[in-house]
N, C-alpha and C. Protein backbone atom coordinates (compact mmCIF):
# COMPACT_ATOMS: atom_id res chain seq x y z
N UNK A 1 0.68 -1.27 0.09
CA UNK A 1 0.08 0.11 0.09
C UNK A 1 0.93 1.28 0.05
N UNK A 2 0.41 2.14 -0.89
CA UNK A 2 1.24 3.55 -0.79
C UNK A 2 1.20 4.18 0.27
N UNK A 3 2.38 4.75 0.74
CA UNK A 3 2.30 5.58 1.96
C UNK A 3 2.36 7.16 1.67
N UNK A 4 0.94 7.56 1.86
CA UNK A 4 0.89 8.89 1.48
C UNK A 4 1.35 10.01 2.67
N UNK A 5 1.59 11.32 2.30
CA UNK A 5 1.80 12.33 3.23
C UNK A 5 0.55 13.06 3.67
N UNK A 6 0.45 13.65 4.68
CA UNK A 6 -0.72 14.42 4.96
C UNK A 6 -0.86 15.56 4.02
N UNK A 7 -0.03 16.05 3.49
CA UNK A 7 -0.08 17.25 2.51
C UNK A 7 -0.56 16.78 1.03
N UNK A 8 -0.84 15.46 0.91
CA UNK A 8 -1.14 14.96 -0.32
C UNK A 8 -2.74 14.76 -0.35
N UNK A 9 -3.40 14.88 -1.68
CA UNK A 9 -4.75 14.71 -1.86
C UNK A 9 -4.94 13.35 -2.66
N UNK A 10 -6.13 12.89 -2.73
CA UNK A 10 -6.36 11.77 -3.55
C UNK A 10 -6.05 11.79 -5.01
N UNK A 11 -6.30 12.98 -5.58
CA UNK A 11 -5.91 13.21 -7.14
C UNK A 11 -4.31 13.11 -7.35
N UNK A 12 -3.36 13.22 -6.39
CA UNK A 12 -1.95 13.11 -6.72
C UNK A 12 -1.59 11.81 -7.31
N UNK A 13 -2.18 10.69 -6.72
CA UNK A 13 -1.67 9.47 -7.28
C UNK A 13 -2.21 9.37 -8.77
N UNK A 14 -3.15 9.90 -9.07
CA UNK A 14 -3.68 9.96 -10.55
C UNK A 14 -2.74 10.54 -11.47
N UNK A 15 -2.43 11.86 -11.02
CA UNK A 15 -1.39 12.80 -11.68
C UNK A 15 -0.24 11.94 -11.89
N UNK A 16 0.33 11.55 -10.77
CA UNK A 16 1.82 10.59 -10.94
C UNK A 16 1.61 9.44 -11.92
N UNK A 17 0.59 8.72 -11.83
CA UNK A 17 0.41 7.69 -12.61
C UNK A 17 0.34 8.07 -14.00
N UNK A 18 -0.35 9.06 -14.47
CA UNK A 18 -0.61 9.48 -15.73
C UNK A 18 0.95 9.95 -16.41
N UNK A 19 1.56 10.77 -15.61
CA UNK A 19 2.78 11.21 -16.08
C UNK A 19 3.87 10.05 -16.16
N UNK A 20 3.78 8.91 -15.29
CA UNK A 20 4.65 7.85 -15.35
C UNK A 20 4.26 7.25 -16.70
N UNK A 21 2.95 7.09 -16.94
CA UNK A 21 2.50 6.12 -18.11
C UNK A 21 2.79 6.89 -19.40
N UNK A 22 2.62 8.29 -19.41
CA UNK A 22 2.71 8.96 -20.87
C UNK A 22 3.81 9.86 -20.82
N UNK A 23 4.63 9.93 -19.94
CA UNK A 23 5.71 10.93 -20.15
C UNK A 23 5.54 12.34 -19.67
N UNK A 24 6.37 13.24 -19.89
CA UNK A 24 6.15 14.62 -19.47
C UNK A 24 4.73 15.13 -20.04
N UNK A 25 3.93 15.70 -19.17
CA UNK A 25 2.68 16.17 -19.45
C UNK A 25 2.51 17.65 -18.80
N UNK A 26 1.54 18.20 -19.23
CA UNK A 26 0.96 19.47 -18.94
C UNK A 26 -0.26 19.18 -18.19
N UNK A 27 -0.70 20.18 -17.35
CA UNK A 27 -2.08 20.02 -16.63
C UNK A 27 -3.10 19.77 -17.53
N UNK A 28 -3.11 20.41 -18.68
CA UNK A 28 -4.24 20.36 -19.71
C UNK A 28 -4.24 18.80 -20.22
N UNK A 29 -2.96 18.36 -20.59
CA UNK A 29 -3.02 16.86 -21.02
C UNK A 29 -3.42 15.93 -19.86
N UNK A 30 -3.05 16.26 -18.74
CA UNK A 30 -3.48 15.39 -17.45
C UNK A 30 -4.96 15.31 -17.55
N UNK A 31 -5.73 16.34 -17.74
CA UNK A 31 -7.02 16.51 -17.74
C UNK A 31 -7.53 15.57 -18.97
N UNK A 32 -6.97 15.77 -20.16
CA UNK A 32 -7.41 15.09 -21.35
C UNK A 32 -7.18 13.71 -21.17
N UNK A 33 -6.25 13.36 -20.47
CA UNK A 33 -5.99 11.79 -20.30
C UNK A 33 -6.84 11.30 -19.18
N UNK A 34 -8.02 11.92 -18.62
CA UNK A 34 -8.81 11.39 -17.66
C UNK A 34 -8.39 11.65 -16.24
N UNK A 35 -7.45 12.54 -15.96
CA UNK A 35 -6.93 12.90 -14.78
C UNK A 35 -8.09 14.00 -14.09
N UNK A 36 -7.46 14.74 -12.97
CA UNK A 36 -8.26 15.83 -12.64
C UNK A 36 -8.41 17.00 -13.49
N UNK A 37 -9.18 17.86 -13.20
CA UNK A 37 -9.26 19.16 -14.16
C UNK A 37 -7.95 19.88 -14.32
N UNK A 38 -7.85 20.48 -15.44
CA UNK A 38 -6.39 21.15 -15.69
C UNK A 38 -6.14 22.14 -14.24
N UNK A 39 -7.26 22.89 -14.08
CA UNK A 39 -7.00 23.77 -12.83
C UNK A 39 -6.45 23.18 -11.68
N UNK A 40 -7.14 21.97 -11.24
CA UNK A 40 -6.63 21.33 -10.11
C UNK A 40 -5.18 20.83 -10.34
N UNK A 41 -4.86 20.15 -11.46
CA UNK A 41 -3.60 19.70 -11.70
C UNK A 41 -2.59 20.87 -11.69
N UNK A 42 -3.09 22.10 -12.23
CA UNK A 42 -2.06 23.09 -12.26
C UNK A 42 -1.64 23.58 -10.73
N UNK A 43 -2.61 23.28 -9.95
CA UNK A 43 -2.46 23.69 -8.54
C UNK A 43 -1.59 22.52 -7.87
N UNK A 44 -1.75 21.37 -8.29
CA UNK A 44 -1.08 20.14 -7.70
C UNK A 44 0.18 19.94 -7.95
N UNK A 45 0.46 20.05 -9.28
CA UNK A 45 1.84 19.68 -9.90
C UNK A 45 3.10 20.40 -9.20
N UNK A 46 2.87 21.85 -8.95
CA UNK A 46 4.02 22.44 -8.11
C UNK A 46 4.24 21.90 -6.84
N UNK A 47 3.25 21.39 -6.25
CA UNK A 47 3.31 21.01 -4.93
C UNK A 47 3.93 19.57 -4.95
N UNK A 48 3.60 18.68 -5.86
CA UNK A 48 4.32 17.43 -6.14
C UNK A 48 5.75 17.68 -6.43
N UNK A 49 6.19 18.76 -7.27
CA UNK A 49 7.55 19.07 -7.58
C UNK A 49 8.35 19.61 -6.44
N UNK A 50 7.60 20.37 -5.62
CA UNK A 50 8.09 20.98 -4.18
C UNK A 50 8.59 19.70 -3.39
N UNK A 51 7.90 18.66 -3.33
CA UNK A 51 8.29 17.59 -2.53
C UNK A 51 9.16 16.34 -3.35
N UNK A 52 9.56 16.86 -4.52
CA UNK A 52 10.48 16.01 -5.28
C UNK A 52 9.90 14.77 -5.99
N UNK A 53 8.43 14.68 -6.09
CA UNK A 53 7.87 13.56 -6.80
C UNK A 53 7.88 13.97 -8.18
N UNK A 54 7.86 15.18 -8.74
CA UNK A 54 7.69 15.60 -9.94
C UNK A 54 9.06 16.60 -10.28
N UNK A 55 9.24 16.67 -11.56
CA UNK A 55 10.36 17.75 -11.98
C UNK A 55 9.51 18.64 -12.77
N UNK A 56 9.91 20.11 -12.56
CA UNK A 56 9.35 21.00 -13.48
C UNK A 56 10.29 21.01 -14.76
N UNK A 57 9.82 20.47 -15.70
CA UNK A 57 10.76 20.53 -17.04
C UNK A 57 10.82 21.82 -17.58
N UNK A 58 9.68 22.38 -17.70
CA UNK A 58 9.57 23.86 -18.19
C UNK A 58 8.25 24.44 -17.56
N UNK A 59 8.00 25.74 -17.92
CA UNK A 59 6.79 26.30 -17.62
C UNK A 59 5.60 25.47 -17.86
N UNK A 60 4.90 24.93 -16.91
CA UNK A 60 3.63 24.04 -17.16
C UNK A 60 3.99 22.62 -17.52
N UNK A 61 5.22 22.24 -17.53
CA UNK A 61 5.38 20.78 -18.06
C UNK A 61 6.10 20.04 -17.07
N UNK A 62 5.59 18.95 -16.66
CA UNK A 62 6.11 18.19 -15.56
C UNK A 62 6.47 16.74 -15.93
N UNK A 63 7.37 16.12 -15.30
CA UNK A 63 7.98 14.74 -15.64
C UNK A 63 8.10 14.15 -14.17
N UNK A 64 8.08 12.88 -14.13
CA UNK A 64 8.27 12.11 -12.97
C UNK A 64 9.57 12.04 -12.48
N UNK A 65 10.05 12.09 -11.30
CA UNK A 65 11.37 11.85 -10.64
C UNK A 65 11.56 10.34 -10.28
N UNK A 66 12.61 10.02 -9.89
CA UNK A 66 12.84 8.66 -9.34
C UNK A 66 12.18 8.52 -7.90
N UNK A 67 12.13 9.57 -7.15
CA UNK A 67 11.17 9.54 -6.01
C UNK A 67 9.65 9.24 -6.36
N UNK A 68 9.31 9.95 -7.26
CA UNK A 68 7.91 9.47 -7.65
C UNK A 68 7.62 8.33 -8.23
N UNK A 69 8.53 7.70 -8.96
CA UNK A 69 8.42 6.14 -9.21
C UNK A 69 8.41 5.37 -8.05
N UNK A 70 9.45 5.67 -7.16
CA UNK A 70 9.59 4.86 -6.01
C UNK A 70 8.25 5.02 -5.17
N UNK A 71 7.53 6.09 -5.08
CA UNK A 71 6.41 6.26 -4.35
C UNK A 71 5.33 5.34 -4.91
N UNK A 72 5.27 5.52 -6.23
CA UNK A 72 4.29 4.61 -6.95
C UNK A 72 4.35 3.19 -6.78
N UNK A 73 5.63 2.78 -6.65
CA UNK A 73 5.85 1.42 -6.54
C UNK A 73 6.02 0.86 -5.34
N UNK A 74 5.56 1.78 -4.22
CA UNK A 74 5.40 1.42 -2.78
C UNK A 74 6.80 1.26 -2.29
N UNK A 75 7.85 1.81 -2.70
CA UNK A 75 9.24 1.82 -2.11
C UNK A 75 9.66 2.95 -1.42
N UNK A 76 8.64 4.12 -1.32
CA UNK A 76 9.03 5.39 -0.78
C UNK A 76 7.76 5.69 -0.05
N UNK A 77 8.22 6.09 1.32
CA UNK A 77 6.79 6.57 2.24
C UNK A 77 6.85 8.19 1.95
N UNK A 78 5.90 8.81 1.37
CA UNK A 78 6.02 10.28 0.96
C UNK A 78 5.90 11.09 2.17
N UNK A 79 5.42 10.44 3.36
CA UNK A 79 5.32 11.26 4.64
C UNK A 79 6.84 11.54 5.12
N UNK A 80 7.82 11.02 4.61
CA UNK A 80 9.16 11.31 5.00
C UNK A 80 9.84 12.36 4.13
N UNK A 81 9.10 12.76 3.05
CA UNK A 81 9.72 13.83 2.13
C UNK A 81 9.74 15.26 2.84
N UNK A 82 10.82 15.91 2.50
CA UNK A 82 10.64 17.39 3.02
C UNK A 82 10.72 18.25 1.67
N UNK A 83 10.15 19.45 1.89
CA UNK A 83 10.21 20.24 0.58
C UNK A 83 11.75 20.49 0.17
N UNK A 84 11.98 20.42 -1.02
CA UNK A 84 13.24 20.87 -1.67
C UNK A 84 13.41 22.11 -2.10
N UNK A 85 14.36 22.78 -1.94
CA UNK A 85 14.70 24.22 -2.33
C UNK A 85 14.94 24.28 -3.83
N UNK A 86 14.33 25.19 -4.41
CA UNK A 86 14.43 25.39 -5.74
C UNK A 86 15.67 26.08 -6.07
N UNK A 87 16.73 25.47 -6.86
CA UNK A 87 18.05 26.08 -7.17
C UNK A 87 18.11 27.07 -8.12
N UNK A 88 16.89 27.20 -8.83
CA UNK A 88 16.97 28.41 -9.91
C UNK A 88 17.03 29.68 -9.48
């Protein structure tokens, strides 16, 4: 069973699963592929990136990280993640 963090919401798993399956996606593409609305994904993707589960490839484009993959395969407890500093 996946170990979620208290900052996560139920739609986060769907967002991560879609990006793992289809590759780098925008919030609009996430909605088009059956995920949450683009507006909701637009709010959640930066949070998932802040905790290291997604990479912000460019403005509005996200890809999954090794940590994101590990979370989906139940090898990572998301509650142990800390926000990462943006080095840009």
